[in-house]
N, C-alpha and C. Protein backbone atom coordinates (compact mmCIF):
# COMPACT_ATOMS: atom_id res chain seq x y z
N UNK A 1 0.84 -1.20 0.00
CA UNK A 1 0.00 0.00 0.00
C UNK A 1 0.87 1.24 0.00
N UNK A 2 0.53 2.24 -0.81
CA UNK A 2 1.29 3.48 -0.87
C UNK A 2 0.82 4.39 0.26
N UNK A 3 1.59 4.42 1.36
CA UNK A 3 1.17 5.17 2.53
C UNK A 3 1.41 6.66 2.38
N UNK A 4 2.20 7.03 1.40
CA UNK A 4 2.47 8.47 1.23
C UNK A 4 1.24 9.21 0.75
N UNK A 5 0.31 8.51 0.03
CA UNK A 5 -0.88 9.16 -0.51
C UNK A 5 -1.81 9.64 0.60
N UNK A 6 -2.17 8.77 1.59
CA UNK A 6 -3.02 9.26 2.67
C UNK A 6 -2.37 10.39 3.45
N UNK A 7 -1.05 10.27 3.67
CA UNK A 7 -0.36 11.32 4.42
C UNK A 7 -0.40 12.64 3.66
N UNK A 8 -0.24 12.55 2.35
CA UNK A 8 -0.30 13.77 1.55
C UNK A 8 -1.69 14.37 1.61
N UNK A 9 -2.71 13.49 1.56
CA UNK A 9 -4.09 13.98 1.64
C UNK A 9 -4.35 14.65 2.99
N UNK A 10 -3.80 14.03 4.05
CA UNK A 10 -3.97 14.60 5.38
C UNK A 10 -3.34 15.99 5.46
N UNK A 11 -2.17 16.12 4.88
CA UNK A 11 -1.51 17.43 4.90
C UNK A 11 -2.37 18.45 4.17
N UNK A 12 -2.94 18.03 3.03
CA UNK A 12 -3.80 18.95 2.29
C UNK A 12 -5.04 19.31 3.08
N UNK A 13 -5.61 18.31 3.78
CA UNK A 13 -6.82 18.57 4.57
C UNK A 13 -6.52 19.52 5.71
N UNK A 14 -5.35 19.36 6.34
CA UNK A 14 -5.04 20.22 7.47
C UNK A 14 -4.81 21.65 7.03
N UNK A 15 -4.40 21.86 5.76
CA UNK A 15 -4.17 23.20 5.25
C UNK A 15 -5.38 23.78 4.55
N UNK A 16 -6.41 22.94 4.34
CA UNK A 16 -7.57 23.41 3.59
C UNK A 16 -8.32 24.49 4.34
N UNK A 17 -8.24 24.43 5.67
CA UNK A 17 -8.90 25.49 6.44
C UNK A 17 -7.90 26.11 7.39
N UNK A 18 -7.69 27.35 7.23
CA UNK A 18 -6.92 28.12 8.20
C UNK A 18 -7.79 29.28 8.61
N UNK A 19 -7.85 29.54 9.89
CA UNK A 19 -8.73 30.60 10.38
C UNK A 19 -8.35 31.92 9.75
N UNK A 20 -9.31 32.63 9.17
CA UNK A 20 -8.99 33.93 8.60
C UNK A 20 -8.37 34.84 9.64
N UNK A 21 -7.43 35.67 9.21
CA UNK A 21 -6.75 36.57 10.13
C UNK A 21 -7.74 37.58 10.68
N UNK A 22 -7.41 38.13 11.84
CA UNK A 22 -8.24 39.18 12.40
C UNK A 22 -8.29 40.35 11.44
N UNK A 23 -9.38 41.13 11.52
CA UNK A 23 -9.55 42.28 10.64
C UNK A 23 -8.30 43.15 10.69
N UNK A 24 -7.89 43.63 9.52
CA UNK A 24 -6.65 44.39 9.42
C UNK A 24 -6.76 45.66 10.24
N UNK A 25 -5.95 45.77 11.27
CA UNK A 25 -6.04 46.89 12.19
C UNK A 25 -5.18 48.04 11.68
N UNK A 26 -5.70 48.74 10.69
CA UNK A 26 -4.92 49.77 10.04
C UNK A 26 -5.82 50.80 9.38
N UNK A 27 -5.40 52.07 9.44
CA UNK A 27 -6.10 53.12 8.69
C UNK A 27 -5.83 52.98 7.19
N UNK A 28 -4.76 52.29 6.84
CA UNK A 28 -4.33 52.19 5.45
C UNK A 28 -5.42 51.60 4.57
N UNK A 29 -5.75 52.31 3.49
CA UNK A 29 -6.73 51.82 2.53
C UNK A 29 -8.17 52.06 2.91
N UNK A 30 -8.43 52.68 4.06
CA UNK A 30 -9.80 52.90 4.49
C UNK A 30 -10.21 54.36 4.31
N UNK A 31 -11.50 54.56 4.08
CA UNK A 31 -12.03 55.92 3.96
C UNK A 31 -12.13 56.54 5.35
N UNK A 32 -11.39 57.62 5.56
CA UNK A 32 -11.36 58.31 6.85
C UNK A 32 -11.82 59.75 6.64
N UNK A 33 -12.78 60.17 7.43
CA UNK A 33 -13.25 61.56 7.37
C UNK A 33 -12.61 62.36 8.50
N UNK A 34 -12.03 63.50 8.14
CA UNK A 34 -11.45 64.41 9.13
C UNK A 34 -12.32 65.65 9.19
N UNK A 35 -12.85 65.93 10.36
CA UNK A 35 -13.70 67.11 10.55
C UNK A 35 -13.03 68.08 11.50
N UNK A 36 -13.27 69.37 11.26
CA UNK A 36 -12.91 70.38 12.23
C UNK A 36 -14.21 71.04 12.67
N UNK A 37 -14.40 71.17 13.98
CA UNK A 37 -15.65 71.73 14.46
C UNK A 37 -15.61 72.03 15.93
N UNK A 38 -16.79 72.11 16.53
CA UNK A 38 -16.88 72.49 17.94
C UNK A 38 -18.14 71.92 18.57
N UNK A 39 -18.18 71.97 19.88
CA UNK A 39 -19.36 71.57 20.64
C UNK A 39 -19.62 72.65 21.67
N UNK A 40 -20.76 73.27 21.58
CA UNK A 40 -21.09 74.36 22.49
C UNK A 40 -21.28 73.88 23.92
N UNK A 41 -21.75 72.63 24.09
CA UNK A 41 -21.93 72.12 25.45
C UNK A 41 -20.73 71.33 25.93
N UNK A 42 -19.67 71.25 25.12
CA UNK A 42 -18.44 70.59 25.55
C UNK A 42 -18.46 69.09 25.50
N UNK A 43 -19.47 68.49 24.86
CA UNK A 43 -19.57 67.03 24.77
C UNK A 43 -19.58 66.60 23.31
N UNK A 44 -19.12 65.37 23.01
CA UNK A 44 -19.16 64.88 21.63
C UNK A 44 -20.57 64.85 21.04
N UNK A 45 -21.58 64.67 21.89
CA UNK A 45 -22.95 64.60 21.36
C UNK A 45 -23.41 65.94 20.81
N UNK A 46 -22.78 67.02 21.24
CA UNK A 46 -23.15 68.34 20.73
C UNK A 46 -22.27 68.82 19.60
N UNK A 47 -21.51 67.91 19.01
CA UNK A 47 -20.52 68.26 17.98
C UNK A 47 -21.16 68.81 16.71
N UNK A 48 -20.58 69.88 16.21
CA UNK A 48 -20.98 70.45 14.92
C UNK A 48 -19.74 70.57 14.05
N UNK A 49 -19.76 69.90 12.90
CA UNK A 49 -18.61 69.96 11.98
C UNK A 49 -18.66 71.26 11.19
N UNK A 50 -17.56 72.00 11.19
CA UNK A 50 -17.47 73.23 10.42
C UNK A 50 -16.79 72.99 9.07
N UNK A 51 -15.89 72.02 9.07
CA UNK A 51 -15.23 71.60 7.83
C UNK A 51 -15.12 70.08 7.84
N UNK A 52 -15.15 69.47 6.67
CA UNK A 52 -15.08 68.02 6.58
C UNK A 52 -14.37 67.62 5.31
N UNK A 53 -13.47 66.64 5.43
CA UNK A 53 -12.75 66.14 4.26
C UNK A 53 -12.51 64.64 4.43
N UNK A 54 -12.88 63.85 3.42
CA UNK A 54 -12.70 62.40 3.47
C UNK A 54 -11.52 62.01 2.61
N UNK A 55 -10.65 61.18 3.16
CA UNK A 55 -9.45 60.72 2.46
C UNK A 55 -9.37 59.21 2.58
N UNK A 56 -8.49 58.61 1.82
CA UNK A 56 -8.20 57.18 1.94
C UNK A 56 -6.79 57.04 2.47
N UNK A 57 -6.67 56.45 3.67
CA UNK A 57 -5.34 56.26 4.23
C UNK A 57 -4.47 55.47 3.29
N UNK A 58 -3.33 56.04 2.89
CA UNK A 58 -2.50 55.39 1.88
C UNK A 58 -1.14 54.99 2.40
N UNK A 59 -0.69 55.60 3.51
CA UNK A 59 0.66 55.36 4.03
C UNK A 59 1.73 55.75 3.02
N UNK A 60 1.36 56.43 1.94
CA UNK A 60 2.33 56.77 0.90
C UNK A 60 2.57 58.26 0.81
N UNK A 61 1.63 59.06 1.29
CA UNK A 61 1.77 60.51 1.19
C UNK A 61 0.93 61.15 2.28
N UNK A 62 1.17 62.42 2.51
CA UNK A 62 0.37 63.16 3.49
C UNK A 62 -1.03 63.33 2.92
N UNK A 63 -2.02 62.83 3.63
CA UNK A 63 -3.39 62.81 3.10
C UNK A 63 -3.99 64.21 2.99
N UNK A 64 -3.76 65.05 3.99
CA UNK A 64 -4.28 66.43 3.95
C UNK A 64 -3.11 67.38 4.16
N UNK A 65 -2.50 67.88 3.08
CA UNK A 65 -1.31 68.74 3.22
C UNK A 65 -1.62 70.07 3.90
N UNK A 66 -2.83 70.59 3.72
CA UNK A 66 -3.16 71.88 4.32
C UNK A 66 -4.67 72.01 4.49
N UNK A 67 -5.14 71.76 5.70
CA UNK A 67 -6.54 71.98 6.02
C UNK A 67 -6.66 73.42 6.53
N UNK A 68 -7.22 74.30 5.72
CA UNK A 68 -7.28 75.73 6.04
C UNK A 68 -8.50 76.03 6.89
N UNK A 69 -8.28 76.51 8.11
CA UNK A 69 -9.37 76.85 9.01
C UNK A 69 -9.71 78.33 8.95
N UNK A 70 -8.73 79.14 8.64
CA UNK A 70 -8.91 80.59 8.49
C UNK A 70 -7.69 81.10 7.75
N UNK A 71 -7.65 82.38 7.46
CA UNK A 71 -6.51 82.95 6.76
C UNK A 71 -5.24 82.76 7.59
N UNK A 72 -4.28 82.04 7.02
CA UNK A 72 -3.02 81.80 7.71
C UNK A 72 -3.06 80.72 8.76
N UNK A 73 -4.20 80.04 8.91
CA UNK A 73 -4.33 78.97 9.92
C UNK A 73 -4.54 77.64 9.19
N UNK A 74 -3.50 76.83 9.11
CA UNK A 74 -3.58 75.56 8.39
C UNK A 74 -2.98 74.43 9.22
N UNK A 75 -3.51 73.23 9.00
CA UNK A 75 -3.02 72.02 9.64
C UNK A 75 -2.73 70.96 8.58
N UNK A 76 -1.66 70.23 8.79
CA UNK A 76 -1.28 69.10 7.93
C UNK A 76 -1.63 67.82 8.69
N UNK A 77 -2.37 66.91 8.02
CA UNK A 77 -2.82 65.70 8.70
C UNK A 77 -2.36 64.48 7.91
N UNK A 78 -1.68 63.58 8.58
CA UNK A 78 -1.06 62.43 7.93
C UNK A 78 -1.39 61.16 8.70
N UNK A 79 -1.86 60.13 7.97
CA UNK A 79 -2.08 58.80 8.53
C UNK A 79 -0.88 57.95 8.15
N UNK A 80 -0.23 57.33 9.13
CA UNK A 80 0.98 56.58 8.82
C UNK A 80 1.14 55.43 9.82
N UNK A 81 2.03 54.50 9.47
CA UNK A 81 2.32 53.39 10.36
C UNK A 81 1.10 52.58 10.77
N UNK A 82 0.13 52.45 9.89
CA UNK A 82 -1.08 51.66 10.11
C UNK A 82 -2.07 52.27 11.11
N UNK A 83 -1.61 52.62 12.30
CA UNK A 83 -2.54 53.03 13.35
C UNK A 83 -2.20 54.39 13.96
N UNK A 84 -1.42 55.20 13.24
CA UNK A 84 -0.97 56.48 13.79
C UNK A 84 -1.47 57.64 12.93
N UNK A 85 -1.69 58.78 13.61
CA UNK A 85 -2.14 60.00 12.94
C UNK A 85 -1.29 61.15 13.44
N UNK A 86 -0.82 61.96 12.50
CA UNK A 86 -0.04 63.15 12.84
C UNK A 86 -0.84 64.39 12.44
N UNK A 87 -0.99 65.34 13.38
CA UNK A 87 -1.64 66.61 13.11
C UNK A 87 -0.60 67.71 13.40
N UNK A 88 -0.11 68.34 12.35
CA UNK A 88 0.95 69.34 12.50
C UNK A 88 0.44 70.72 12.09
N UNK A 89 0.72 71.69 12.95
CA UNK A 89 0.30 73.05 12.62
C UNK A 89 1.30 73.65 11.64
N UNK A 90 0.77 74.11 10.50
CA UNK A 90 1.63 74.66 9.44
C UNK A 90 1.23 76.09 9.07
N UNK A 91 0.45 76.75 9.90
CA UNK A 91 -0.03 78.08 9.59
C UNK A 91 1.06 79.13 9.59
N UNK A 92 0.78 80.23 8.96
CA UNK A 92 1.74 81.34 8.89
C UNK A 92 1.49 82.36 9.99
N UNK A 93 0.44 82.19 10.75
CA UNK A 93 0.13 83.06 11.86
C UNK A 93 0.10 82.24 13.14
N UNK A 94 0.15 82.92 14.29
CA UNK A 94 0.09 82.20 15.56
C UNK A 94 -1.28 81.54 15.72
N UNK A 95 -1.31 80.47 16.50
CA UNK A 95 -2.55 79.73 16.73
C UNK A 95 -2.89 79.80 18.21
N UNK A 96 -4.04 80.35 18.52
CA UNK A 96 -4.51 80.44 19.90
C UNK A 96 -5.92 79.88 19.97
N UNK A 97 -6.10 78.84 20.73
CA UNK A 97 -7.41 78.19 20.82
C UNK A 97 -7.83 78.09 22.28
N UNK A 98 -7.56 79.17 23.02
CA UNK A 98 -7.83 79.16 24.46
C UNK A 98 -9.17 79.85 24.73
N UNK A 99 -10.04 79.17 25.45
CA UNK A 99 -11.30 79.80 25.83
C UNK A 99 -12.51 79.04 25.34
N UNK A 100 -13.51 79.76 24.93
CA UNK A 100 -14.81 79.20 24.55
C UNK A 100 -14.77 78.79 23.08
N UNK A 101 -15.37 77.65 22.70
CA UNK A 101 -16.03 76.64 23.55
C UNK A 101 -15.04 75.63 24.11
N UNK A 102 -15.53 74.77 25.00
CA UNK A 102 -14.65 73.83 25.69
C UNK A 102 -14.26 72.63 24.83
N UNK A 103 -14.98 72.37 23.75
CA UNK A 103 -14.60 71.30 22.81
C UNK A 103 -14.53 71.92 21.42
N UNK A 104 -13.30 72.06 20.95
CA UNK A 104 -13.07 72.62 19.62
C UNK A 104 -11.80 71.98 19.07
N UNK A 105 -11.91 71.37 17.91
CA UNK A 105 -10.74 70.71 17.35
C UNK A 105 -11.12 69.77 16.22
N UNK A 106 -10.51 68.58 16.21
CA UNK A 106 -10.68 67.64 15.12
C UNK A 106 -11.46 66.41 15.56
N UNK A 107 -12.21 65.87 14.61
CA UNK A 107 -12.86 64.56 14.78
C UNK A 107 -12.41 63.70 13.62
N UNK A 108 -11.85 62.53 13.93
CA UNK A 108 -11.37 61.58 12.92
C UNK A 108 -12.33 60.40 12.92
N UNK A 109 -12.95 60.13 11.76
CA UNK A 109 -14.06 59.18 11.70
C UNK A 109 -13.76 58.06 10.71
N UNK A 110 -14.04 56.83 11.12
CA UNK A 110 -14.03 55.68 10.22
C UNK A 110 -15.30 55.77 9.38
N UNK A 111 -15.20 56.42 8.23
CA UNK A 111 -16.37 56.83 7.45
C UNK A 111 -17.27 55.66 7.06
N UNK A 112 -16.69 54.52 6.70
CA UNK A 112 -17.48 53.38 6.23
C UNK A 112 -17.73 52.36 7.33
N UNK A 113 -17.30 52.66 8.55
CA UNK A 113 -17.45 51.71 9.66
C UNK A 113 -16.88 50.34 9.28
N UNK A 114 -15.68 50.37 8.68
CA UNK A 114 -15.07 49.15 8.17
C UNK A 114 -13.93 48.65 9.05
N UNK A 115 -13.49 49.44 10.00
CA UNK A 115 -12.39 49.06 10.87
C UNK A 115 -12.91 48.43 12.16
N UNK A 116 -12.09 47.64 12.85
CA UNK A 116 -12.49 47.20 14.19
C UNK A 116 -12.71 48.42 15.09
N UNK A 117 -13.46 48.23 16.15
CA UNK A 117 -13.77 49.33 17.05
C UNK A 117 -12.50 49.91 17.65
N UNK A 118 -12.46 51.23 17.77
CA UNK A 118 -11.33 51.90 18.41
C UNK A 118 -11.54 51.82 19.92
N UNK A 119 -10.60 51.19 20.61
CA UNK A 119 -10.75 51.00 22.05
C UNK A 119 -10.10 52.13 22.84
N UNK A 120 -8.96 52.63 22.36
CA UNK A 120 -8.22 53.61 23.14
C UNK A 120 -7.32 54.41 22.20
N UNK A 121 -7.05 55.65 22.58
CA UNK A 121 -6.15 56.51 21.83
C UNK A 121 -5.15 57.11 22.80
N UNK A 122 -3.90 57.22 22.38
CA UNK A 122 -2.90 57.82 23.25
C UNK A 122 -1.93 58.68 22.44
N UNK A 123 -1.31 59.67 23.11
CA UNK A 123 -0.34 60.56 22.48
C UNK A 123 1.02 59.88 22.45
N UNK A 124 1.71 60.00 21.33
CA UNK A 124 3.01 59.36 21.18
C UNK A 124 4.18 60.33 21.40
N UNK A 125 3.98 61.62 21.16
CA UNK A 125 5.10 62.57 21.29
C UNK A 125 4.94 63.42 22.55
N UNK A 126 5.13 62.80 23.70
CA UNK A 126 4.94 63.50 24.97
C UNK A 126 6.23 64.10 25.51
N UNK A 127 7.38 63.62 25.08
CA UNK A 127 8.66 64.13 25.60
C UNK A 127 9.06 65.39 24.83
N UNK A 128 9.36 66.46 25.57
CA UNK A 128 9.74 67.72 24.94
C UNK A 128 11.25 67.75 24.70
N UNK A 129 11.64 67.99 23.45
CA UNK A 129 13.05 68.07 23.08
C UNK A 129 13.31 69.48 22.54
N UNK A 130 13.99 70.34 23.30
CA UNK A 130 14.20 71.73 22.88
C UNK A 130 14.86 71.83 21.51
N UNK A 131 14.43 72.83 20.76
CA UNK A 131 15.01 73.15 19.45
C UNK A 131 14.86 72.02 18.43
N UNK A 132 13.86 71.17 18.64
CA UNK A 132 13.60 70.06 17.73
C UNK A 132 12.15 70.11 17.28
N UNK A 133 11.88 70.23 15.98
CA UNK A 133 10.48 70.26 15.51
C UNK A 133 9.77 68.95 15.81
N UNK A 134 8.45 69.03 15.92
CA UNK A 134 7.65 67.83 16.10
C UNK A 134 7.23 67.54 17.51
N UNK A 135 7.45 68.48 18.44
CA UNK A 135 7.02 68.27 19.82
C UNK A 135 5.52 68.51 19.96
N UNK A 136 4.98 68.02 21.06
CA UNK A 136 3.55 68.16 21.34
C UNK A 136 3.16 69.63 21.42
N UNK A 137 2.03 69.97 20.79
CA UNK A 137 1.52 71.34 20.79
C UNK A 137 1.45 71.88 22.22
N UNK A 138 1.90 73.13 22.39
CA UNK A 138 1.86 73.76 23.71
C UNK A 138 0.42 73.84 24.23
N UNK A 139 0.23 73.46 25.49
CA UNK A 139 -1.08 73.54 26.12
C UNK A 139 -1.99 72.37 25.86
N UNK A 140 -1.60 71.46 24.96
CA UNK A 140 -2.45 70.31 24.67
C UNK A 140 -2.35 69.31 25.82
N UNK A 141 -3.46 69.05 26.48
CA UNK A 141 -3.48 68.16 27.64
C UNK A 141 -3.99 66.79 27.20
N UNK A 142 -3.05 65.87 27.02
CA UNK A 142 -3.42 64.54 26.50
C UNK A 142 -4.39 63.82 27.42
N UNK A 143 -4.32 64.09 28.73
CA UNK A 143 -5.15 63.35 29.68
C UNK A 143 -6.63 63.62 29.49
N UNK A 144 -6.99 64.84 29.04
CA UNK A 144 -8.42 65.15 28.90
C UNK A 144 -8.78 65.70 27.53
N UNK A 145 -7.87 65.58 26.56
CA UNK A 145 -8.12 66.15 25.23
C UNK A 145 -8.59 65.11 24.23
N UNK A 146 -8.63 63.84 24.62
CA UNK A 146 -9.09 62.78 23.73
C UNK A 146 -10.43 62.23 24.20
N UNK A 147 -11.33 62.03 23.25
CA UNK A 147 -12.56 61.29 23.49
C UNK A 147 -12.74 60.39 22.28
N UNK A 148 -13.03 59.11 22.49
CA UNK A 148 -13.21 58.25 21.34
C UNK A 148 -14.40 57.31 21.53
N UNK A 149 -15.09 57.06 20.43
CA UNK A 149 -16.11 56.03 20.36
C UNK A 149 -15.58 54.90 19.51
N UNK A 150 -16.42 53.93 19.15
CA UNK A 150 -15.93 52.80 18.36
C UNK A 150 -15.48 53.19 16.95
N UNK A 151 -16.00 54.30 16.42
CA UNK A 151 -15.68 54.68 15.04
C UNK A 151 -15.08 56.07 14.90
N UNK A 152 -14.80 56.75 16.01
CA UNK A 152 -14.27 58.10 15.86
C UNK A 152 -13.36 58.48 17.03
N UNK A 153 -12.59 59.53 16.78
CA UNK A 153 -11.67 60.08 17.78
C UNK A 153 -11.82 61.59 17.75
N UNK A 154 -12.01 62.20 18.92
CA UNK A 154 -12.03 63.65 19.04
C UNK A 154 -10.67 64.11 19.58
N UNK A 155 -10.07 65.06 18.90
CA UNK A 155 -8.81 65.65 19.34
C UNK A 155 -9.12 67.10 19.72
N UNK A 156 -9.29 67.34 21.01
CA UNK A 156 -9.74 68.65 21.49
C UNK A 156 -8.54 69.60 21.60
N UNK A 157 -8.59 70.70 20.85
CA UNK A 157 -7.51 71.68 20.86
C UNK A 157 -7.77 72.82 21.85
N UNK A 158 -8.74 72.62 22.71
CA UNK A 158 -9.00 73.63 23.74
C UNK A 158 -7.73 73.87 24.55
N UNK A 159 -7.33 75.11 24.71
CA UNK A 159 -6.13 75.53 25.42
C UNK A 159 -4.84 75.27 24.65
N UNK A 160 -4.94 74.83 23.40
CA UNK A 160 -3.74 74.59 22.61
C UNK A 160 -3.29 75.89 21.93
N UNK A 161 -1.97 76.00 21.70
CA UNK A 161 -1.44 77.21 21.06
C UNK A 161 -0.13 76.91 20.34
N UNK A 162 0.17 77.78 19.38
CA UNK A 162 1.44 77.71 18.65
C UNK A 162 1.90 79.14 18.37
N UNK A 163 3.18 79.40 18.63
CA UNK A 163 3.76 80.72 18.36
C UNK A 163 4.97 80.57 17.46
N UNK A 164 5.06 81.43 16.47
CA UNK A 164 6.20 81.38 15.56
C UNK A 164 7.49 81.85 16.23
N UNK A 165 7.36 82.61 17.30
CA UNK A 165 8.54 83.09 18.03
C UNK A 165 8.39 82.66 19.48
N UNK A 166 9.47 82.15 20.08
CA UNK A 166 9.38 81.68 21.47
C UNK A 166 8.89 82.78 22.40
N UNK A 167 7.98 82.42 23.28
CA UNK A 167 7.46 83.35 24.28
C UNK A 167 7.43 82.62 25.62
N UNK A 168 8.00 83.19 26.65
CA UNK A 168 8.04 82.49 27.96
C UNK A 168 6.65 82.02 28.37
N UNK A 169 6.54 80.72 28.61
CA UNK A 169 5.30 80.07 29.06
C UNK A 169 4.14 80.24 28.09
N UNK A 170 4.44 80.60 26.84
CA UNK A 170 3.34 80.80 25.89
C UNK A 170 3.67 80.22 24.52
N UNK A 171 4.18 79.03 24.50
CA UNK A 171 4.36 78.39 23.21
C UNK A 171 5.80 78.35 22.75
N UNK A 172 6.02 77.66 21.67
CA UNK A 172 7.37 77.41 21.17
C UNK A 172 7.21 76.97 19.72
N UNK A 173 7.97 77.55 18.78
CA UNK A 173 7.81 77.17 17.37
C UNK A 173 8.16 75.72 17.07
N UNK A 174 8.73 75.02 18.03
CA UNK A 174 9.04 73.61 17.82
C UNK A 174 7.92 72.70 18.34
N UNK A 175 6.99 73.27 19.09
CA UNK A 175 5.87 72.48 19.60
C UNK A 175 4.70 72.64 18.63
N UNK A 176 4.78 71.88 17.55
CA UNK A 176 3.88 72.11 16.42
C UNK A 176 3.08 70.88 16.01
N UNK A 177 3.13 69.80 16.78
CA UNK A 177 2.60 68.53 16.27
C UNK A 177 1.95 67.70 17.37
N UNK A 178 0.86 67.05 17.02
CA UNK A 178 0.23 66.05 17.89
C UNK A 178 0.27 64.72 17.14
N UNK A 179 0.90 63.72 17.73
CA UNK A 179 0.96 62.39 17.13
C UNK A 179 0.21 61.43 18.04
N UNK A 180 -0.79 60.77 17.50
CA UNK A 180 -1.58 59.85 18.31
C UNK A 180 -1.55 58.45 17.72
N UNK A 181 -1.75 57.49 18.58
CA UNK A 181 -1.85 56.09 18.17
C UNK A 181 -3.19 55.53 18.60
N UNK A 182 -3.79 54.70 17.76
CA UNK A 182 -5.09 54.11 18.05
C UNK A 182 -4.94 52.62 18.33
N UNK A 183 -5.63 52.14 19.34
CA UNK A 183 -5.69 50.70 19.63
C UNK A 183 -7.04 50.18 19.15
N UNK A 184 -6.99 49.23 18.21
CA UNK A 184 -8.22 48.66 17.66
C UNK A 184 -8.60 47.38 18.41
N UNK A 185 -9.88 47.11 18.43
CA UNK A 185 -10.38 45.89 19.05
C UNK A 185 -9.93 44.69 18.24
N UNK A 186 -9.53 43.63 18.92
CA UNK A 186 -9.15 42.39 18.23
C UNK A 186 -10.42 41.59 17.94
N UNK A 187 -10.58 41.21 16.69
CA UNK A 187 -11.78 40.51 16.28
C UNK A 187 -11.64 39.00 16.53
N UNK A 188 -12.74 38.35 16.93
CA UNK A 188 -12.73 36.91 17.16
C UNK A 188 -12.56 36.16 15.85
N UNK A 189 -11.90 35.01 15.91
CA UNK A 189 -11.72 34.19 14.72
C UNK A 189 -13.03 33.50 14.35
N UNK A 190 -13.39 33.47 13.07
CA UNK A 190 -14.64 32.81 12.65
C UNK A 190 -14.60 31.30 12.86
N UNK A 191 -15.78 30.70 13.03
CA UNK A 191 -15.89 29.25 13.17
C UNK A 191 -15.85 28.62 11.78
N UNK A 192 -15.14 27.47 11.60
CA UNK A 192 -15.08 26.85 10.28
C UNK A 192 -16.45 26.48 9.75
N UNK A 193 -16.60 26.51 8.43
CA UNK A 193 -17.85 26.09 7.78
C UNK A 193 -17.97 24.56 7.87
N UNK A 194 -19.20 24.02 7.78
CA UNK A 194 -19.40 22.56 7.91
C UNK A 194 -18.56 21.75 6.93
N UNK A 195 -18.46 22.22 5.66
CA UNK A 195 -17.67 21.44 4.70
C UNK A 195 -16.19 21.43 5.05
N UNK A 196 -15.73 22.47 5.75
CA UNK A 196 -14.33 22.50 6.17
C UNK A 196 -14.10 21.51 7.31
N UNK A 197 -15.08 21.42 8.21
CA UNK A 197 -14.98 20.41 9.26
C UNK A 197 -14.94 19.00 8.67
N UNK A 198 -15.80 18.71 7.65
CA UNK A 198 -15.84 17.38 7.05
C UNK A 198 -14.50 17.03 6.41
N UNK A 199 -13.89 18.01 5.74
CA UNK A 199 -12.59 17.76 5.11
C UNK A 199 -11.53 17.44 6.15
N UNK A 200 -11.55 18.18 7.25
CA UNK A 200 -10.56 17.92 8.29
C UNK A 200 -10.78 16.56 8.94
N UNK A 201 -12.06 16.21 9.18
CA UNK A 201 -12.35 14.91 9.79
C UNK A 201 -11.96 13.76 8.87
N UNK A 202 -12.18 13.95 7.55
CA UNK A 202 -11.77 12.91 6.60
C UNK A 202 -10.26 12.71 6.66
N UNK A 203 -9.53 13.79 6.76
CA UNK A 203 -8.08 13.68 6.87
C UNK A 203 -7.66 12.96 8.13
N UNK A 204 -8.32 13.25 9.25
CA UNK A 204 -8.00 12.58 10.50
C UNK A 204 -8.32 11.09 10.42
N UNK A 205 -9.43 10.73 9.72
CA UNK A 205 -9.77 9.32 9.55
C UNK A 205 -8.71 8.57 8.77
N UNK A 206 -8.21 9.19 7.72
CA UNK A 206 -7.14 8.57 6.94
C UNK A 206 -5.87 8.41 7.77
N UNK A 207 -5.60 9.39 8.61
CA UNK A 207 -4.42 9.29 9.46
C UNK A 207 -4.54 8.10 10.39
N UNK A 208 -5.75 7.89 10.95
CA UNK A 208 -5.96 6.75 11.85
C UNK A 208 -5.77 5.43 11.10
N UNK A 209 -6.26 5.38 9.86
CA UNK A 209 -6.11 4.16 9.06
C UNK A 209 -4.64 3.85 8.79
N UNK A 210 -3.89 4.88 8.48
CA UNK A 210 -2.45 4.69 8.23
C UNK A 210 -1.77 4.17 9.49
N UNK A 211 -2.15 4.71 10.64
CA UNK A 211 -1.55 4.28 11.89
C UNK A 211 -1.85 2.80 12.15
N UNK A 212 -3.11 2.37 11.87
CA UNK A 212 -3.46 0.96 12.08
C UNK A 212 -2.67 0.05 11.14
N UNK A 213 -2.51 0.44 9.87
CA UNK A 213 -1.76 -0.38 8.92
C UNK A 213 -0.31 -0.52 9.36
N UNK A 214 0.24 0.54 9.90
CA UNK A 214 1.63 0.47 10.36
C UNK A 214 1.77 -0.51 11.52
N UNK A 215 0.79 -0.48 12.44
CA UNK A 215 0.86 -1.41 13.58
C UNK A 215 0.76 -2.85 13.10
N UNK A 216 -0.11 -3.10 12.10
CA UNK A 216 -0.27 -4.46 11.58
C UNK A 216 1.00 -4.92 10.84
N UNK A 217 1.65 -3.97 10.17
CA UNK A 217 2.86 -4.32 9.45
C UNK A 217 4.00 -4.61 10.38
């Protein structure tokens, strides 16, 4: 008896079903809407979008090179590294967002609801390095400036500021960027289809038969 044939079939059966990977936890390739707006009551439920732009995360280029909020007030927004977002102030005038209302800034939305739920968001650039661009925006309080639901993230710029010239206790031209990372929910692995179970069981039956023939031999 050619015992290599059942063994080969068993190998094929064991490879016929592999659990599909968890949903790709990445902004890359997904439709993402970036809104700038405010909430008069300071809560996400009262959010009003003043500007909105939908992009597809590409990881190849800056998705929004210049989101213009007013004359001389622009932000560059980049999705990179699968789960990271960079918001850099690129305006030609100083940026002061201190005061009313208590929620004013950006909302980042999974437009098609195609990503796993967003569980948590955290700031990545918290260490201040003097005379080095890319530090956390002055006045941005990471502890209370983030609010997220399963499909969106609010980046509250309340009390945030940027100055083109250093001013004691009032900003720094190197503190121009907020970099955040998103933690996505891990999706459960699907259960095999009935025909996949039958194929695997057939392979196991052949393996048992081969084992019995070997004992008899």
